[in-house]
PDB file of N, CA and C in Angstrom:
ATOM      1  N   UNK A   1       0.826  -1.183   0.000  1.00  0.00           N
ATOM      2  CA  UNK A   1       0.000   0.000   0.000  1.00  0.00           C
ATOM      3  C   UNK A   1       0.870   1.246   0.000  1.00  0.00           C
ATOM      4  N   UNK A   2       0.499   2.226  -0.805  1.00  0.00           N
ATOM      5  CA  UNK A   2       1.235   3.486  -0.801  1.00  0.00           C
ATOM      6  C   UNK A   2       0.870   4.265   0.452  1.00  0.00           C
ATOM      7  N   UNK A   3       1.796   5.073   0.909  1.00  0.00           N
ATOM      8  CA  UNK A   3       1.560   5.902   2.083  1.00  0.00           C
ATOM      9  C   UNK A   3       1.872   7.353   1.769  1.00  0.00           C
ATOM     10  N   UNK A   4       0.865   8.191   1.553  1.00  0.00           N
ATOM     11  CA  UNK A   4       1.115   9.609   1.315  1.00  0.00           C
ATOM     12  C   UNK A   4       1.636  10.266   2.590  1.00  0.00           C
ATOM     13  N   UNK A   5       2.380  11.317   2.407  1.00  0.00           N
ATOM     14  CA  UNK A   5       2.919  12.041   3.548  1.00  0.00           C
ATOM     15  C   UNK A   5       2.418  13.473   3.529  1.00  0.00           C
ATOM     16  N   UNK A   6       2.328  14.096   4.709  1.00  0.00           N
ATOM     17  CA  UNK A   6       1.958  15.505   4.828  1.00  0.00           C
ATOM     18  C   UNK A   6       2.699  16.094   6.013  1.00  0.00           C
ATOM     19  N   UNK A   7       2.980  17.386   5.940  1.00  0.00           N
ATOM     20  CA  UNK A   7       3.621  18.067   7.053  1.00  0.00           C
ATOM     21  C   UNK A   7       2.593  18.920   7.773  1.00  0.00           C
ATOM     22  N   UNK A   8       2.616  18.899   9.082  1.00  0.00           N
ATOM     23  CA  UNK A   8       1.724  19.716   9.896  1.00  0.00           C
ATOM     24  C   UNK A   8       2.522  20.214  11.087  1.00  0.00           C
ATOM     25  N   UNK A   9       2.709  21.525  11.153  1.00  0.00           N
ATOM     26  CA  UNK A   9       3.456  22.127  12.261  1.00  0.00           C
ATOM     27  C   UNK A   9       4.793  21.440  12.477  1.00  0.00           C
ATOM     28  N   UNK A  10       5.557  21.299  11.405  1.00  0.00           N
ATOM     29  CA  UNK A  10       6.896  20.717  11.461  1.00  0.00           C
ATOM     30  C   UNK A  10       6.915  19.251  11.852  1.00  0.00           C
ATOM     31  N   UNK A  11       5.801  18.582  11.756  1.00  0.00           N
ATOM     32  CA  UNK A  11       5.727  17.164  12.092  1.00  0.00           C
ATOM     33  C   UNK A  11       5.315  16.391  10.847  1.00  0.00           C
ATOM     34  N   UNK A  12       6.041  15.346  10.546  1.00  0.00           N
ATOM     35  CA  UNK A  12       5.716  14.504   9.400  1.00  0.00           C
ATOM     36  C   UNK A  12       4.583  13.557   9.779  1.00  0.00           C
ATOM     37  N   UNK A  13       3.520  13.556   8.974  1.00  0.00           N
ATOM     38  CA  UNK A  13       2.382  12.668   9.196  1.00  0.00           C
ATOM     39  C   UNK A  13       2.366  11.628   8.093  1.00  0.00           C
ATOM     40  N   UNK A  14       2.091  10.392   8.434  1.00  0.00           N
ATOM     41  CA  UNK A  14       1.997   9.344   7.430  1.00  0.00           C
ATOM     42  C   UNK A  14       0.569   8.833   7.391  1.00  0.00           C
ATOM     43  N   UNK A  15      -0.040   8.964   6.220  1.00  0.00           N
ATOM     44  CA  UNK A  15      -1.390   8.470   5.996  1.00  0.00           C
ATOM     45  C   UNK A  15      -1.295   7.166   5.224  1.00  0.00           C
ATOM     46  N   UNK A  16      -2.148   6.235   5.545  1.00  0.00           N
ATOM     47  CA  UNK A  16      -2.208   4.963   4.838  1.00  0.00           C
ATOM     48  C   UNK A  16      -3.460   4.975   3.974  1.00  0.00           C
ATOM     49  N   UNK A  17      -3.309   4.603   2.706  1.00  0.00           N
ATOM     50  CA  UNK A  17      -4.489   4.512   1.846  1.00  0.00           C
ATOM     51  C   UNK A  17      -5.328   3.337   2.320  1.00  0.00           C
ATOM     52  N   UNK A  18      -6.569   3.629   2.660  1.00  0.00           N
ATOM     53  CA  UNK A  18      -7.459   2.640   3.255  1.00  0.00           C
ATOM     54  C   UNK A  18      -8.063   1.720   2.197  1.00  0.00           C
ATOM     55  N   UNK A  19      -8.160   0.436   2.511  1.00  0.00           N
ATOM     56  CA  UNK A  19      -8.789  -0.498   1.576  1.00  0.00           C
ATOM     57  C   UNK A  19     -10.314  -0.527   1.687  1.00  0.00           C
ATOM     58  N   UNK A  20     -10.893   0.294   2.548  1.00  0.00           N
ATOM     59  CA  UNK A  20     -12.337   0.285   2.747  1.00  0.00           C
ATOM     60  C   UNK A  20     -13.069   0.743   1.495  1.00  0.00           C
ATOM     61  N   UNK A  21     -14.312   0.332   1.379  1.00  0.00           N
ATOM     62  CA  UNK A  21     -15.178   0.736   0.268  1.00  0.00           C
ATOM     63  C   UNK A  21     -16.006   1.929   0.700  1.00  0.00           C
ATOM     64  N   UNK A  22     -16.346   2.788  -0.248  1.00  0.00           N
ATOM     65  CA  UNK A  22     -17.177   3.952   0.015  1.00  0.00           C
ATOM     66  C   UNK A  22     -18.496   3.770  -0.719  1.00  0.00           C
ATOM     67  N   UNK A  23     -19.596   3.706   0.034  1.00  0.00           N
ATOM     68  CA  UNK A  23     -20.934   3.576  -0.549  1.00  0.00           C
ATOM     69  C   UNK A  23     -21.729   4.847  -0.269  1.00  0.00           C
ATOM     70  N   UNK A  24     -22.393   5.350  -1.291  1.00  0.00           N
ATOM     71  CA  UNK A  24     -23.326   6.453  -1.118  1.00  0.00           C
ATOM     72  C   UNK A  24     -24.631   6.011  -1.761  1.00  0.00           C
ATOM     73  N   UNK A  25     -25.697   6.026  -0.974  1.00  0.00           N
ATOM     74  CA  UNK A  25     -27.007   5.539  -1.431  1.00  0.00           C
ATOM     75  C   UNK A  25     -26.885   4.118  -1.987  1.00  0.00           C
ATOM     76  N   UNK A  26     -26.144   3.280  -1.282  1.00  0.00           N
ATOM     77  CA  UNK A  26     -25.930   1.871  -1.628  1.00  0.00           C
ATOM     78  C   UNK A  26     -25.198   1.657  -2.956  1.00  0.00           C
ATOM     79  N   UNK A  27     -24.542   2.688  -3.467  1.00  0.00           N
ATOM     80  CA  UNK A  27     -23.753   2.574  -4.693  1.00  0.00           C
ATOM     81  C   UNK A  27     -22.288   2.808  -4.341  1.00  0.00           C
ATOM     82  N   UNK A  28     -21.442   1.846  -4.737  1.00  0.00           N
ATOM     83  CA  UNK A  28     -20.019   1.984  -4.442  1.00  0.00           C
ATOM     84  C   UNK A  28     -19.405   3.030  -5.367  1.00  0.00           C
ATOM     85  N   UNK A  29     -18.687   3.967  -4.779  1.00  0.00           N
ATOM     86  CA  UNK A  29     -18.020   5.000  -5.557  1.00  0.00           C
ATOM     87  C   UNK A  29     -16.591   4.585  -5.840  1.00  0.00           C
ATOM     88  N   UNK A  30     -16.190   4.748  -7.074  1.00  0.00           N
ATOM     89  CA  UNK A  30     -14.824   4.438  -7.493  1.00  0.00           C
ATOM     90  C   UNK A  30     -14.069   5.748  -7.671  1.00  0.00           C
ATOM     91  N   UNK A  31     -12.783   5.684  -7.540  1.00  0.00           N
ATOM     92  CA  UNK A  31     -11.950   6.844  -7.817  1.00  0.00           C
ATOM     93  C   UNK A  31     -11.711   7.763  -6.638  1.00  0.00           C
ATOM     94  N   UNK A  32     -12.214   7.427  -5.474  1.00  0.00           N
ATOM     95  CA  UNK A  32     -11.993   8.255  -4.292  1.00  0.00           C
ATOM     96  C   UNK A  32     -11.025   7.529  -3.360  1.00  0.00           C
ATOM     97  N   UNK A  33      -9.915   8.175  -3.054  1.00  0.00           N
ATOM     98  CA  UNK A  33      -8.962   7.570  -2.127  1.00  0.00           C
ATOM     99  C   UNK A  33      -9.372   7.897  -0.694  1.00  0.00           C
ATOM    100  N   UNK A  34      -9.506   6.873   0.114  1.00  0.00           N
ATOM    101  CA  UNK A  34      -9.805   7.050   1.527  1.00  0.00           C
ATOM    102  C   UNK A  34      -8.490   6.921   2.283  1.00  0.00           C
ATOM    103  N   UNK A  35      -8.270   7.784   3.244  1.00  0.00           N
ATOM    104  CA  UNK A  35      -7.025   7.782   3.999  1.00  0.00           C
ATOM    105  C   UNK A  35      -7.271   7.375   5.432  1.00  0.00           C
ATOM    106  N   UNK A  36      -6.343   6.617   5.986  1.00  0.00           N
ATOM    107  CA  UNK A  36      -6.410   6.200   7.385  1.00  0.00           C
ATOM    108  C   UNK A  36      -5.260   6.860   8.113  1.00  0.00           C
ATOM    109  N   UNK A  37      -5.586   7.563   9.181  1.00  0.00           N
ATOM    110  CA  UNK A  37      -4.563   8.182  10.028  1.00  0.00           C
ATOM    111  C   UNK A  37      -4.984   7.979  11.476  1.00  0.00           C
ATOM    112  N   UNK A  38      -4.188   7.275  12.211  1.00  0.00           N
ATOM    113  CA  UNK A  38      -4.480   7.061  13.633  1.00  0.00           C
ATOM    114  C   UNK A  38      -5.771   6.314  13.882  1.00  0.00           C
ATOM    115  N   UNK A  39      -6.178   5.463  12.943  1.00  0.00           N
ATOM    116  CA  UNK A  39      -7.413   4.704  13.121  1.00  0.00           C
ATOM    117  C   UNK A  39      -8.659   5.423  12.642  1.00  0.00           C
ATOM    118  N   UNK A  40      -8.523   6.671  12.188  1.00  0.00           N
ATOM    119  CA  UNK A  40      -9.653   7.426  11.642  1.00  0.00           C
ATOM    120  C   UNK A  40      -9.582   7.395  10.124  1.00  0.00           C
ATOM    121  N   UNK A  41     -10.733   7.263   9.468  1.00  0.00           N
ATOM    122  CA  UNK A  41     -10.799   7.256   8.017  1.00  0.00           C
ATOM    123  C   UNK A  41     -11.209   8.652   7.544  1.00  0.00           C
ATOM    124  N   UNK A  42     -10.447   9.206   6.613  1.00  0.00           N
ATOM    125  CA  UNK A  42     -10.724  10.518   6.046  1.00  0.00           C
ATOM    126  C   UNK A  42     -11.218  10.337   4.611  1.00  0.00           C
ATOM    127  N   UNK A  43     -12.301  11.038   4.288  1.00  0.00           N
ATOM    128  CA  UNK A  43     -12.909  10.925   2.968  1.00  0.00           C
ATOM    129  C   UNK A  43     -12.820  12.273   2.260  1.00  0.00           C
ATOM    130  N   UNK A  44     -12.794  12.271   0.911  1.00  0.00           N
ATOM    131  CA  UNK A  44     -12.683  13.527   0.164  1.00  0.00           C
ATOM    132  C   UNK A  44     -14.024  14.271   0.129  1.00  0.00           C
ATOM    133  N   UNK A  45     -14.095  15.376   0.827  1.00  0.00           N
ATOM    134  CA  UNK A  45     -15.336  16.141   0.965  1.00  0.00           C
ATOM    135  C   UNK A  45     -15.891  16.576  -0.384  1.00  0.00           C
ATOM    136  N   UNK A  46     -15.066  17.160  -1.242  1.00  0.00           N
ATOM    137  CA  UNK A  46     -15.560  17.660  -2.528  1.00  0.00           C
ATOM    138  C   UNK A  46     -16.120  16.517  -3.380  1.00  0.00           C
ATOM    139  N   UNK A  47     -15.394  15.417  -3.453  1.00  0.00           N
ATOM    140  CA  UNK A  47     -15.820  14.292  -4.282  1.00  0.00           C
ATOM    141  C   UNK A  47     -17.182  13.767  -3.831  1.00  0.00           C
ATOM    142  N   UNK A  48     -17.341  13.556  -2.544  1.00  0.00           N
ATOM    143  CA  UNK A  48     -18.605  13.030  -2.020  1.00  0.00           C
ATOM    144  C   UNK A  48     -19.737  14.027  -2.223  1.00  0.00           C
ATOM    145  N   UNK A  49     -19.492  15.288  -1.915  1.00  0.00           N
ATOM    146  CA  UNK A  49     -20.525  16.320  -2.069  1.00  0.00           C
ATOM    147  C   UNK A  49     -20.984  16.417  -3.516  1.00  0.00           C
ATOM    148  N   UNK A  50     -20.036  16.408  -4.456  1.00  0.00           N
ATOM    149  CA  UNK A  50     -20.404  16.506  -5.867  1.00  0.00           C
ATOM    150  C   UNK A  50     -21.152  15.268  -6.340  1.00  0.00           C
ATOM    151  N   UNK A  51     -20.821  14.085  -5.808  1.00  0.00           N
ATOM    152  CA  UNK A  51     -21.551  12.864  -6.163  1.00  0.00           C
ATOM    153  C   UNK A  51     -22.997  12.931  -5.692  1.00  0.00           C
ATOM    154  N   UNK A  52     -23.239  13.699  -4.646  1.00  0.00           N
ATOM    155  CA  UNK A  52     -24.598  13.871  -4.118  1.00  0.00           C
ATOM    156  C   UNK A  52     -25.316  15.066  -4.744  1.00  0.00           C
ATOM    157  N   UNK A  53     -24.675  15.702  -5.744  1.00  0.00           N
ATOM    158  CA  UNK A  53     -25.310  16.817  -6.439  1.00  0.00           C
ATOM    159  C   UNK A  53     -25.069  18.166  -5.802  1.00  0.00           C
ATOM    160  N   UNK A  54     -24.205  18.244  -4.835  1.00  0.00           N
ATOM    161  CA  UNK A  54     -23.927  19.508  -4.175  1.00  0.00           C
ATOM    162  C   UNK A  54     -22.654  20.152  -4.682  1.00  0.00           C
ATOM    163  N   UNK A  55     -22.227  21.192  -3.986  1.00  0.00           N
ATOM    164  CA  UNK A  55     -21.003  21.879  -4.376  1.00  0.00           C
ATOM    165  C   UNK A  55     -20.223  22.285  -3.132  1.00  0.00           C
ATOM    166  N   UNK A  56     -18.927  22.459  -3.324  1.00  0.00           N
ATOM    167  CA  UNK A  56     -18.035  22.884  -2.246  1.00  0.00           C
ATOM    168  C   UNK A  56     -17.288  24.114  -2.723  1.00  0.00           C
ATOM    169  N   UNK A  57     -17.196  25.094  -1.863  1.00  0.00           N
ATOM    170  CA  UNK A  57     -16.472  26.309  -2.204  1.00  0.00           C
ATOM    171  C   UNK A  57     -15.476  26.655  -1.115  1.00  0.00           C
ATOM    172  N   UNK A  58     -14.516  27.514  -1.467  1.00  0.00           N
ATOM    173  CA  UNK A  58     -13.523  27.958  -0.496  1.00  0.00           C
ATOM    174  C   UNK A  58     -13.290  29.446  -0.690  1.00  0.00           C
ATOM    175  N   UNK A  59     -13.404  30.210   0.394  1.00  0.00           N
ATOM    176  CA  UNK A  59     -13.132  31.641   0.393  1.00  0.00           C
ATOM    177  C   UNK A  59     -11.760  31.843   1.009  1.00  0.00           C
ATOM    178  N   UNK A  60     -10.765  32.152   0.167  1.00  0.00           N
ATOM    179  CA  UNK A  60      -9.397  32.276   0.667  1.00  0.00           C
ATOM    180  C   UNK A  60      -9.205  33.500   1.570  1.00  0.00           C
ATOM    181  N   UNK A  61     -10.047  34.504   1.415  1.00  0.00           N
ATOM    182  CA  UNK A  61      -9.930  35.710   2.261  1.00  0.00           C
ATOM    183  C   UNK A  61     -10.288  35.414   3.706  1.00  0.00           C
ATOM    184  N   UNK A  62     -11.317  34.579   3.896  1.00  0.00           N
ATOM    185  CA  UNK A  62     -11.785  34.293   5.271  1.00  0.00           C
ATOM    186  C   UNK A  62     -11.366  32.903   5.737  1.00  0.00           C
ATOM    187  N   UNK A  63     -10.835  32.082   4.808  1.00  0.00           N
ATOM    188  CA  UNK A  63     -10.462  30.716   5.166  1.00  0.00           C
ATOM    189  C   UNK A  63     -11.669  29.839   5.430  1.00  0.00           C
ATOM    190  N   UNK A  64     -12.781  30.124   4.740  1.00  0.00           N
ATOM    191  CA  UNK A  64     -14.037  29.431   4.981  1.00  0.00           C
ATOM    192  C   UNK A  64     -14.324  28.420   3.877  1.00  0.00           C
ATOM    193  N   UNK A  65     -14.661  27.198   4.287  1.00  0.00           N
ATOM    194  CA  UNK A  65     -15.109  26.164   3.368  1.00  0.00           C
ATOM    195  C   UNK A  65     -16.626  26.114   3.458  1.00  0.00           C
ATOM    196  N   UNK A  66     -17.296  26.121   2.292  1.00  0.00           N
ATOM    197  CA  UNK A  66     -18.763  26.058   2.293  1.00  0.00           C
ATOM    198  C   UNK A  66     -19.216  24.836   1.507  1.00  0.00           C
ATOM    199  N   UNK A  67     -20.244  24.176   2.020  1.00  0.00           N
ATOM    200  CA  UNK A  67     -20.838  23.007   1.376  1.00  0.00           C
ATOM    201  C   UNK A  67     -22.305  23.333   1.138  1.00  0.00           C
ATOM    202  N   UNK A  68     -22.745  23.162  -0.117  1.00  0.00           N
ATOM    203  CA  UNK A  68     -24.149  23.427  -0.459  1.00  0.00           C
ATOM    204  C   UNK A  68     -24.746  22.191  -1.092  1.00  0.00           C
ATOM    205  N   UNK A  69     -25.973  21.894  -0.720  1.00  0.00           N
ATOM    206  CA  UNK A  69     -26.666  20.760  -1.312  1.00  0.00           C
ATOM    207  C   UNK A  69     -27.745  21.264  -2.248  1.00  0.00           C
ATOM    208  N   UNK A  70     -28.125  20.414  -3.183  1.00  0.00           N
ATOM    209  CA  UNK A  70     -29.203  20.722  -4.097  1.00  0.00           C
ATOM    210  C   UNK A  70     -30.388  19.865  -3.691  1.00  0.00           C
ATOM    211  N   UNK A  71     -31.500  20.465  -3.415  1.00  0.00           N
ATOM    212  CA  UNK A  71     -32.680  19.720  -2.975  1.00  0.00           C
ATOM    213  C   UNK A  71     -33.657  19.574  -4.091  1.00  0.00           C
TER     214      UNK A  71
END
């Protein structure tokens, strides 16, 4: 398994690509890498939101992430 790396506050973090499956509305999604760090699974917010018909935005001036759904 590949292990991506990231730096946070001068500390090297090692994430493990998780072998878990991602289901949304009982449909398995392909193409999304799930990461495991310290026993927690991290999922790609933008990918999942867009698969559900929503959108994700980022305001660099305020550092705000916004998630909108379509009803």
